[in-house]
Amino acid sequence: MAELKIALTFLVGLSALASAFMWIKSARAKVLADDSTAGVGALMGGYLIIQGLKGERIDMHETFTQQSRWNAYAAYSAAVCALAQAILSLMP
C-alpha cells in the first residue's frame, strides 16, 4: 500500500507539472504565416493574418488550432492529476 501511495503521489506531481508546461506552451503558441498568404481577412475561406509585436505575420487560424490542441492535452493531464489525488485521499 505504501508503494502505491508513493506512485500516486509521483503521478500527481508529474501530471501537475506536465499540465502547467502544456498550458504555458498553449499561451505562448503562435504559427507564422506563409509568405504566400495575402492576409485578406477571414471571410469566405480567406486567411486571418495579424501582425505580431515584433512585426511578424501570424496565422490566427493555425495558432488557434495549435492552442486548442495544447489546451486539450493540458486538461487531460490535469484530469489525471485530479483522479490520482482523489484516489490518494480515499486511501487509508
PDB file of N, CA and C in Angstrom:
ATOM      1  N   MET A   1       0.826  -1.200   0.000  1.00  0.00           N
ATOM      2  CA  MET A   1       0.000   0.000   0.000  1.00  0.00           C
ATOM      3  C   MET A   1       0.869   1.263   0.000  1.00  0.00           C
ATOM      4  N   ALA A   2       1.977   1.230   0.701  1.00  0.00           N
ATOM      5  CA  ALA A   2       2.862   2.388   0.761  1.00  0.00           C
ATOM      6  C   ALA A   2       3.464   2.681  -0.608  1.00  0.00           C
ATOM      7  N   GLU A   3       3.790   1.617  -1.360  1.00  0.00           N
ATOM      8  CA  GLU A   3       4.350   1.810  -2.689  1.00  0.00           C
ATOM      9  C   GLU A   3       3.334   2.456  -3.628  1.00  0.00           C
ATOM     10  N   LEU A   4       2.063   2.055  -3.482  1.00  0.00           N
ATOM     11  CA  LEU A   4       1.008   2.633  -4.305  1.00  0.00           C
ATOM     12  C   LEU A   4       0.834   4.115  -3.989  1.00  0.00           C
ATOM     13  N   LYS A   5       0.899   4.478  -2.718  1.00  0.00           N
ATOM     14  CA  LYS A   5       0.786   5.883  -2.335  1.00  0.00           C
ATOM     15  C   LYS A   5       1.940   6.698  -2.915  1.00  0.00           C
ATOM     16  N   ILE A   6       3.125   6.136  -2.859  1.00  0.00           N
ATOM     17  CA  ILE A   6       4.287   6.830  -3.420  1.00  0.00           C
ATOM     18  C   ILE A   6       4.119   7.002  -4.933  1.00  0.00           C
ATOM     19  N   ALA A   7       3.656   5.948  -5.605  1.00  0.00           N
ATOM     20  CA  ALA A   7       3.454   6.010  -7.054  1.00  0.00           C
ATOM     21  C   ALA A   7       2.386   7.042  -7.420  1.00  0.00           C
ATOM     22  N   LEU A   8       1.290   7.058  -6.670  1.00  0.00           N
ATOM     23  CA  LEU A   8       0.225   8.023  -6.952  1.00  0.00           C
ATOM     24  C   LEU A   8       0.682   9.453  -6.662  1.00  0.00           C
ATOM     25  N   THR A   9       1.444   9.634  -5.604  1.00  0.00           N
ATOM     26  CA  THR A   9       1.976  10.962  -5.292  1.00  0.00           C
ATOM     27  C   THR A   9       2.905  11.440  -6.398  1.00  0.00           C
ATOM     28  N   PHE A  10       3.746  10.538  -6.884  1.00  0.00           N
ATOM     29  CA  PHE A  10       4.623  10.869  -8.008  1.00  0.00           C
ATOM     30  C   PHE A  10       3.799  11.225  -9.245  1.00  0.00           C
ATOM     31  N   LEU A  11       2.723  10.467  -9.493  1.00  0.00           N
ATOM     32  CA  LEU A  11       1.850  10.734 -10.642  1.00  0.00           C
ATOM     33  C   LEU A  11       1.175  12.097 -10.514  1.00  0.00           C
ATOM     34  N   VAL A  12       0.756  12.449  -9.307  1.00  0.00           N
ATOM     35  CA  VAL A  12       0.138  13.761  -9.079  1.00  0.00           C
ATOM     36  C   VAL A  12       1.124  14.867  -9.444  1.00  0.00           C
ATOM     37  N   GLY A  13       2.334  14.764  -8.917  1.00  0.00           N
ATOM     38  CA  GLY A  13       3.334  15.789  -9.200  1.00  0.00           C
ATOM     39  C   GLY A  13       3.702  15.871 -10.667  1.00  0.00           C
ATOM     40  N   LEU A  14       3.911  14.721 -11.281  1.00  0.00           N
ATOM     41  CA  LEU A  14       4.298  14.690 -12.686  1.00  0.00           C
ATOM     42  C   LEU A  14       3.198  15.240 -13.590  1.00  0.00           C
ATOM     43  N   SER A  15       1.964  14.832 -13.343  1.00  0.00           N
ATOM     44  CA  SER A  15       0.875  15.310 -14.202  1.00  0.00           C
ATOM     45  C   SER A  15       0.574  16.787 -13.958  1.00  0.00           C
ATOM     46  N   ALA A  16       0.772  17.270 -12.739  1.00  0.00           N
ATOM     47  CA  ALA A  16       0.594  18.701 -12.473  1.00  0.00           C
ATOM     48  C   ALA A  16       1.646  19.520 -13.211  1.00  0.00           C
ATOM     49  N   LEU A  17       2.893  19.068 -13.167  1.00  0.00           N
ATOM     50  CA  LEU A  17       3.954  19.761 -13.901  1.00  0.00           C
ATOM     51  C   LEU A  17       3.709  19.713 -15.411  1.00  0.00           C
ATOM     52  N   ALA A  18       3.265  18.550 -15.877  1.00  0.00           N
ATOM     53  CA  ALA A  18       3.004  18.408 -17.315  1.00  0.00           C
ATOM     54  C   ALA A  18       1.878  19.340 -17.763  1.00  0.00           C
ATOM     55  N   SER A  19       0.807  19.425 -16.987  1.00  0.00           N
ATOM     56  CA  SER A  19      -0.295  20.298 -17.382  1.00  0.00           C
ATOM     57  C   SER A  19       0.129  21.765 -17.334  1.00  0.00           C
ATOM     58  N   ALA A  20       0.926  22.143 -16.340  1.00  0.00           N
ATOM     59  CA  ALA A  20       1.414  23.523 -16.277  1.00  0.00           C
ATOM     60  C   ALA A  20       2.274  23.838 -17.501  1.00  0.00           C
ATOM     61  N   PHE A  21       3.166  22.925 -17.862  1.00  0.00           N
ATOM     62  CA  PHE A  21       4.009  23.120 -19.041  1.00  0.00           C
ATOM     63  C   PHE A  21       3.157  23.277 -20.299  1.00  0.00           C
ATOM     64  N   MET A  22       2.146  22.407 -20.437  1.00  0.00           N
ATOM     65  CA  MET A  22       1.322  22.444 -21.651  1.00  0.00           C
ATOM     66  C   MET A  22       0.470  23.704 -21.720  1.00  0.00           C
ATOM     67  N   TRP A  23      -0.012  24.207 -20.574  1.00  0.00           N
ATOM     68  CA  TRP A  23      -0.784  25.446 -20.597  1.00  0.00           C
ATOM     69  C   TRP A  23       0.109  26.639 -20.918  1.00  0.00           C
ATOM     70  N   ILE A  24       1.334  26.636 -20.447  1.00  0.00           N
ATOM     71  CA  ILE A  24       2.269  27.695 -20.819  1.00  0.00           C
ATOM     72  C   ILE A  24       2.574  27.610 -22.311  1.00  0.00           C
ATOM     73  N   LYS A  25       2.768  26.393 -22.803  1.00  0.00           N
ATOM     74  CA  LYS A  25       3.027  26.187 -24.235  1.00  0.00           C
ATOM     75  C   LYS A  25       1.846  26.711 -25.062  1.00  0.00           C
ATOM     76  N   SER A  26       0.628  26.462 -24.588  1.00  0.00           N
ATOM     77  CA  SER A  26      -0.563  26.943 -25.282  1.00  0.00           C
ATOM     78  C   SER A  26      -0.622  28.467 -25.295  1.00  0.00           C
ATOM     79  N   ALA A  27      -0.309  29.072 -24.165  1.00  0.00           N
ATOM     80  CA  ALA A  27      -0.379  30.532 -24.070  1.00  0.00           C
ATOM     81  C   ALA A  27       0.657  31.211 -24.960  1.00  0.00           C
ATOM     82  N   ARG A  28       1.766  30.554 -25.199  1.00  0.00           N
ATOM     83  CA  ARG A  28       2.842  31.149 -25.987  1.00  0.00           C
ATOM     84  C   ARG A  28       2.832  30.705 -27.457  1.00  0.00           C
ATOM     85  N   ALA A  29       1.866  29.868 -27.835  1.00  0.00           N
ATOM     86  CA  ALA A  29       1.831  29.319 -29.195  1.00  0.00           C
ATOM     87  C   ALA A  29       1.515  30.404 -30.220  1.00  0.00           C
ATOM     88  N   LYS A  30       2.232  30.349 -31.307  1.00  0.00           N
ATOM     89  CA  LYS A  30       1.899  31.177 -32.471  1.00  0.00           C
ATOM     90  C   LYS A  30       2.468  30.494 -33.707  1.00  0.00           C
ATOM     91  N   VAL A  31       1.714  30.589 -34.775  1.00  0.00           N
ATOM     92  CA  VAL A  31       2.122  29.989 -36.042  1.00  0.00           C
ATOM     93  C   VAL A  31       2.334  31.127 -37.031  1.00  0.00           C
ATOM     94  N   LEU A  32       3.538  31.210 -37.533  1.00  0.00           N
ATOM     95  CA  LEU A  32       3.849  32.264 -38.502  1.00  0.00           C
ATOM     96  C   LEU A  32       3.191  31.951 -39.843  1.00  0.00           C
ATOM     97  N   ALA A  33       2.718  32.990 -40.495  1.00  0.00           N
ATOM     98  CA  ALA A  33       2.034  32.826 -41.776  1.00  0.00           C
ATOM     99  C   ALA A  33       3.052  32.618 -42.892  1.00  0.00           C
ATOM    100  N   ASP A  34       2.656  31.830 -43.872  1.00  0.00           N
ATOM    101  CA  ASP A  34       3.479  31.649 -45.070  1.00  0.00           C
ATOM    102  C   ASP A  34       3.558  32.964 -45.831  1.00  0.00           C
ATOM    103  N   ASP A  35       4.643  33.141 -46.553  1.00  0.00           N
ATOM    104  CA  ASP A  35       4.782  34.341 -47.375  1.00  0.00           C
ATOM    105  C   ASP A  35       3.789  34.344 -48.534  1.00  0.00           C
ATOM    106  N   SER A  36       3.255  33.164 -48.866  1.00  0.00           N
ATOM    107  CA  SER A  36       2.320  33.070 -49.989  1.00  0.00           C
ATOM    108  C   SER A  36       0.914  33.543 -49.628  1.00  0.00           C
ATOM    109  N   THR A  37       0.624  33.736 -48.347  1.00  0.00           N
ATOM    110  CA  THR A  37      -0.711  34.177 -47.942  1.00  0.00           C
ATOM    111  C   THR A  37      -0.809  35.693 -48.024  1.00  0.00           C
ATOM    112  N   ALA A  38      -1.967  36.137 -48.472  1.00  0.00           N
ATOM    113  CA  ALA A  38      -2.173  37.574 -48.636  1.00  0.00           C
ATOM    114  C   ALA A  38      -2.673  38.218 -47.346  1.00  0.00           C
ATOM    115  N   GLY A  39      -3.379  37.452 -46.516  1.00  0.00           N
ATOM    116  CA  GLY A  39      -3.896  38.015 -45.278  1.00  0.00           C
ATOM    117  C   GLY A  39      -5.028  38.991 -45.498  1.00  0.00           C
ATOM    118  N   VAL A  40      -6.013  38.587 -46.319  1.00  0.00           N
ATOM    119  CA  VAL A  40      -7.097  39.490 -46.683  1.00  0.00           C
ATOM    120  C   VAL A  40      -8.290  39.407 -45.745  1.00  0.00           C
ATOM    121  N   GLY A  41      -8.231  38.625 -44.709  1.00  0.00           N
ATOM    122  CA  GLY A  41      -9.348  38.514 -43.779  1.00  0.00           C
ATOM    123  C   GLY A  41      -9.863  37.106 -43.704  1.00  0.00           C
ATOM    124  N   ALA A  42     -10.863  36.888 -42.852  1.00  0.00           N
ATOM    125  CA  ALA A  42     -11.348  35.547 -42.591  1.00  0.00           C
ATOM    126  C   ALA A  42     -12.633  35.216 -43.345  1.00  0.00           C
ATOM    127  N   LEU A  43     -13.152  36.134 -44.123  1.00  0.00           N
ATOM    128  CA  LEU A  43     -14.409  35.869 -44.803  1.00  0.00           C
ATOM    129  C   LEU A  43     -14.204  34.967 -46.015  1.00  0.00           C
ATOM    130  N   MET A  44     -15.138  34.099 -46.246  1.00  0.00           N
ATOM    131  CA  MET A  44     -15.175  33.230 -47.419  1.00  0.00           C
ATOM    132  C   MET A  44     -13.901  32.408 -47.575  1.00  0.00           C
ATOM    133  N   GLY A  45     -13.384  31.871 -46.476  1.00  0.00           N
ATOM    134  CA  GLY A  45     -12.238  30.986 -46.550  1.00  0.00           C
ATOM    135  C   GLY A  45     -10.896  31.677 -46.657  1.00  0.00           C
ATOM    136  N   GLY A  46     -10.874  32.995 -46.497  1.00  0.00           N
ATOM    137  CA  GLY A  46      -9.603  33.711 -46.546  1.00  0.00           C
ATOM    138  C   GLY A  46      -8.796  33.474 -45.283  1.00  0.00           C
ATOM    139  N   TYR A  47      -7.581  33.957 -45.273  1.00  0.00           N
ATOM    140  CA  TYR A  47      -6.709  33.797 -44.119  1.00  0.00           C
ATOM    141  C   TYR A  47      -6.905  34.959 -43.161  1.00  0.00           C
ATOM    142  N   LEU A  48      -6.724  34.686 -41.885  1.00  0.00           N
ATOM    143  CA  LEU A  48      -6.745  35.744 -40.884  1.00  0.00           C
ATOM    144  C   LEU A  48      -5.315  35.911 -40.396  1.00  0.00           C
ATOM    145  N   ILE A  49      -4.662  36.911 -40.920  1.00  0.00           N
ATOM    146  CA  ILE A  49      -3.261  37.164 -40.612  1.00  0.00           C
ATOM    147  C   ILE A  49      -3.183  38.467 -39.829  1.00  0.00           C
ATOM    148  N   ILE A  50      -2.447  38.437 -38.712  1.00  0.00           N
ATOM    149  CA  ILE A  50      -2.227  39.667 -37.948  1.00  0.00           C
ATOM    150  C   ILE A  50      -0.728  39.918 -37.856  1.00  0.00           C
ATOM    151  N   GLN A  51      -0.405  41.130 -37.467  1.00  0.00           N
ATOM    152  CA  GLN A  51       0.998  41.473 -37.267  1.00  0.00           C
ATOM    153  C   GLN A  51       1.304  41.378 -35.780  1.00  0.00           C
ATOM    154  N   GLY A  52       2.346  40.601 -35.429  1.00  0.00           N
ATOM    155  CA  GLY A  52       2.747  40.434 -34.042  1.00  0.00           C
ATOM    156  C   GLY A  52       3.480  41.653 -33.515  1.00  0.00           C
ATOM    157  N   LEU A  53       3.828  41.614 -32.252  1.00  0.00           N
ATOM    158  CA  LEU A  53       4.516  42.729 -31.609  1.00  0.00           C
ATOM    159  C   LEU A  53       5.883  43.011 -32.212  1.00  0.00           C
ATOM    160  N   LYS A  54       6.495  41.994 -32.761  1.00  0.00           N
ATOM    161  CA  LYS A  54       7.827  42.149 -33.362  1.00  0.00           C
ATOM    162  C   LYS A  54       7.764  42.294 -34.878  1.00  0.00           C
ATOM    163  N   GLY A  55       6.564  42.501 -35.406  1.00  0.00           N
ATOM    164  CA  GLY A  55       6.410  42.695 -36.835  1.00  0.00           C
ATOM    165  C   GLY A  55       6.189  41.430 -37.634  1.00  0.00           C
ATOM    166  N   GLU A  56       6.182  40.264 -36.979  1.00  0.00           N
ATOM    167  CA  GLU A  56       5.979  39.017 -37.717  1.00  0.00           C
ATOM    168  C   GLU A  56       4.511  38.847 -38.105  1.00  0.00           C
ATOM    169  N   ARG A  57       4.288  38.097 -39.172  1.00  0.00           N
ATOM    170  CA  ARG A  57       2.929  37.816 -39.641  1.00  0.00           C
ATOM    171  C   ARG A  57       2.468  36.506 -39.005  1.00  0.00           C
ATOM    172  N   ILE A  58       1.358  36.552 -38.262  1.00  0.00           N
ATOM    173  CA  ILE A  58       0.865  35.396 -37.519  1.00  0.00           C
ATOM    174  C   ILE A  58      -0.443  34.920 -38.134  1.00  0.00           C
ATOM    175  N   ASP A  59      -0.506  33.636 -38.442  1.00  0.00           N
ATOM    176  CA  ASP A  59      -1.721  32.992 -38.966  1.00  0.00           C
ATOM    177  C   ASP A  59      -2.600  32.624 -37.773  1.00  0.00           C
ATOM    178  N   MET A  60      -3.674  33.357 -37.588  1.00  0.00           N
ATOM    179  CA  MET A  60      -4.503  33.162 -36.396  1.00  0.00           C
ATOM    180  C   MET A  60      -5.263  31.834 -36.411  1.00  0.00           C
ATOM    181  N   HIS A  61      -5.737  31.387 -37.564  1.00  0.00           N
ATOM    182  CA  HIS A  61      -6.460  30.113 -37.624  1.00  0.00           C
ATOM    183  C   HIS A  61      -5.569  28.968 -37.137  1.00  0.00           C
ATOM    184  N   GLU A  62      -4.362  28.906 -37.657  1.00  0.00           N
ATOM    185  CA  GLU A  62      -3.437  27.843 -37.263  1.00  0.00           C
ATOM    186  C   GLU A  62      -2.974  28.008 -35.815  1.00  0.00           C
ATOM    187  N   THR A  63      -2.826  29.250 -35.378  1.00  0.00           N
ATOM    188  CA  THR A  63      -2.456  29.496 -33.983  1.00  0.00           C
ATOM    189  C   THR A  63      -3.550  29.009 -33.052  1.00  0.00           C
ATOM    190  N   PHE A  64      -4.820  29.316 -33.378  1.00  0.00           N
ATOM    191  CA  PHE A  64      -5.932  28.846 -32.547  1.00  0.00           C
ATOM    192  C   PHE A  64      -5.988  27.319 -32.512  1.00  0.00           C
ATOM    193  N   THR A  65      -5.715  26.686 -33.646  1.00  0.00           N
ATOM    194  CA  THR A  65      -5.711  25.227 -33.701  1.00  0.00           C
ATOM    195  C   THR A  65      -4.631  24.654 -32.800  1.00  0.00           C
ATOM    196  N   GLN A  66      -3.440  25.231 -32.866  1.00  0.00           N
ATOM    197  CA  GLN A  66      -2.338  24.757 -32.023  1.00  0.00           C
ATOM    198  C   GLN A  66      -2.625  25.007 -30.540  1.00  0.00           C
ATOM    199  N   GLN A  67      -3.182  26.160 -30.211  1.00  0.00           N
ATOM    200  CA  GLN A  67      -3.518  26.462 -28.820  1.00  0.00           C
ATOM    201  C   GLN A  67      -4.589  25.505 -28.299  1.00  0.00           C
ATOM    202  N   SER A  68      -5.556  25.202 -29.123  1.00  0.00           N
ATOM    203  CA  SER A  68      -6.618  24.280 -28.726  1.00  0.00           C
ATOM    204  C   SER A  68      -6.061  22.892 -28.439  1.00  0.00           C
ATOM    205  N   ARG A  69      -5.151  22.436 -29.267  1.00  0.00           N
ATOM    206  CA  ARG A  69      -4.535  21.121 -29.074  1.00  0.00           C
ATOM    207  C   ARG A  69      -3.764  21.078 -27.755  1.00  0.00           C
ATOM    208  N   TRP A  70      -2.934  22.102 -27.480  1.00  0.00           N
ATOM    209  CA  TRP A  70      -2.161  22.127 -26.235  1.00  0.00           C
ATOM    210  C   TRP A  70      -3.076  22.249 -25.020  1.00  0.00           C
ATOM    211  N   ASN A  71      -4.167  23.026 -25.138  1.00  0.00           N
ATOM    212  CA  ASN A  71      -5.123  23.133 -24.030  1.00  0.00           C
ATOM    213  C   ASN A  71      -5.788  21.800 -23.726  1.00  0.00           C
ATOM    214  N   ALA A  72      -6.119  21.045 -24.768  1.00  0.00           N
ATOM    215  CA  ALA A  72      -6.729  19.730 -24.563  1.00  0.00           C
ATOM    216  C   ALA A  72      -5.758  18.783 -23.858  1.00  0.00           C
ATOM    217  N   TYR A  73      -4.512  18.766 -24.293  1.00  0.00           N
ATOM    218  CA  TYR A  73      -3.514  17.915 -23.635  1.00  0.00           C
ATOM    219  C   TYR A  73      -3.354  18.306 -22.165  1.00  0.00           C
ATOM    220  N   ALA A  74      -3.332  19.611 -21.896  1.00  0.00           N
ATOM    221  CA  ALA A  74      -3.181  20.089 -20.520  1.00  0.00           C
ATOM    222  C   ALA A  74      -4.386  19.687 -19.669  1.00  0.00           C
ATOM    223  N   ALA A  75      -5.564  19.753 -20.241  1.00  0.00           N
ATOM    224  CA  ALA A  75      -6.766  19.363 -19.495  1.00  0.00           C
ATOM    225  C   ALA A  75      -6.754  17.870 -19.178  1.00  0.00           C
ATOM    226  N   TYR A  76      -6.315  17.044 -20.124  1.00  0.00           N
ATOM    227  CA  TYR A  76      -6.212  15.611 -19.850  1.00  0.00           C
ATOM    228  C   TYR A  76      -5.213  15.345 -18.727  1.00  0.00           C
ATOM    229  N   SER A  77      -4.103  16.030 -18.764  1.00  0.00           N
ATOM    230  CA  SER A  77      -3.088  15.861 -17.733  1.00  0.00           C
ATOM    231  C   SER A  77      -3.604  16.317 -16.370  1.00  0.00           C
ATOM    232  N   ALA A  78      -4.330  17.418 -16.343  1.00  0.00           N
ATOM    233  CA  ALA A  78      -4.922  17.897 -15.088  1.00  0.00           C
ATOM    234  C   ALA A  78      -5.973  16.917 -14.568  1.00  0.00           C
ATOM    235  N   ALA A  79      -6.696  16.278 -15.476  1.00  0.00           N
ATOM    236  CA  ALA A  79      -7.686  15.285 -15.064  1.00  0.00           C
ATOM    237  C   ALA A  79      -7.007  14.070 -14.431  1.00  0.00           C
ATOM    238  N   VAL A  80      -5.890  13.644 -14.994  1.00  0.00           N
ATOM    239  CA  VAL A  80      -5.114  12.540 -14.412  1.00  0.00           C
ATOM    240  C   VAL A  80      -4.647  12.934 -13.017  1.00  0.00           C
ATOM    241  N   CYS A  81      -4.175  14.158 -12.883  1.00  0.00           N
ATOM    242  CA  CYS A  81      -3.712  14.666 -11.591  1.00  0.00           C
ATOM    243  C   CYS A  81      -4.850  14.634 -10.565  1.00  0.00           C
ATOM    244  N   ALA A  82      -6.013  15.127 -10.946  1.00  0.00           N
ATOM    245  CA  ALA A  82      -7.149  15.160 -10.031  1.00  0.00           C
ATOM    246  C   ALA A  82      -7.614  13.753  -9.657  1.00  0.00           C
ATOM    247  N   LEU A  83      -7.633  12.857 -10.625  1.00  0.00           N
ATOM    248  CA  LEU A  83      -8.040  11.470 -10.342  1.00  0.00           C
ATOM    249  C   LEU A  83      -7.071  10.798  -9.376  1.00  0.00           C
ATOM    250  N   ALA A  84      -5.795  10.965  -9.627  1.00  0.00           N
ATOM    251  CA  ALA A  84      -4.785  10.362  -8.737  1.00  0.00           C
ATOM    252  C   ALA A  84      -4.891  10.956  -7.340  1.00  0.00           C
ATOM    253  N   GLN A  85      -5.123  12.250  -7.239  1.00  0.00           N
ATOM    254  CA  GLN A  85      -5.269  12.891  -5.930  1.00  0.00           C
ATOM    255  C   GLN A  85      -6.527  12.397  -5.226  1.00  0.00           C
ATOM    256  N   ALA A  86      -7.607  12.205  -5.972  1.00  0.00           N
ATOM    257  CA  ALA A  86      -8.852  11.701  -5.379  1.00  0.00           C
ATOM    258  C   ALA A  86      -8.644  10.283  -4.833  1.00  0.00           C
ATOM    259  N   ILE A  87      -7.956   9.440  -5.592  1.00  0.00           N
ATOM    260  CA  ILE A  87      -7.675   8.078  -5.128  1.00  0.00           C
ATOM    261  C   ILE A  87      -6.811   8.130  -3.866  1.00  0.00           C
ATOM    262  N   LEU A  88      -5.811   9.020  -3.868  1.00  0.00           N
ATOM    263  CA  LEU A  88      -4.950   9.158  -2.687  1.00  0.00           C
ATOM    264  C   LEU A  88      -5.753   9.578  -1.455  1.00  0.00           C
ATOM    265  N   SER A  89      -6.717  10.455  -1.639  1.00  0.00           N
ATOM    266  CA  SER A  89      -7.490  10.932  -0.492  1.00  0.00           C
ATOM    267  C   SER A  89      -8.429   9.864   0.067  1.00  0.00           C
ATOM    268  N   LEU A  90      -8.751   8.871  -0.724  1.00  0.00           N
ATOM    269  CA  LEU A  90      -9.629   7.789  -0.263  1.00  0.00           C
ATOM    270  C   LEU A  90      -8.852   6.643   0.374  1.00  0.00           C
ATOM    271  N   MET A  91      -7.555   6.662   0.203  1.00  0.00           N
ATOM    272  CA  MET A  91      -6.740   5.573   0.753  1.00  0.00           C
ATOM    273  C   MET A  91      -6.510   5.780   2.248  1.00  0.00           C
ATOM    274  N   PRO A  92      -6.501   4.666   3.014  1.00  0.00           N
ATOM    275  CA  PRO A  92      -6.267   4.799   4.462  1.00  0.00           C
ATOM    276  C   PRO A  92      -4.836   5.162   4.786  1.00  0.00           C
TER     277      PRO A  92
END
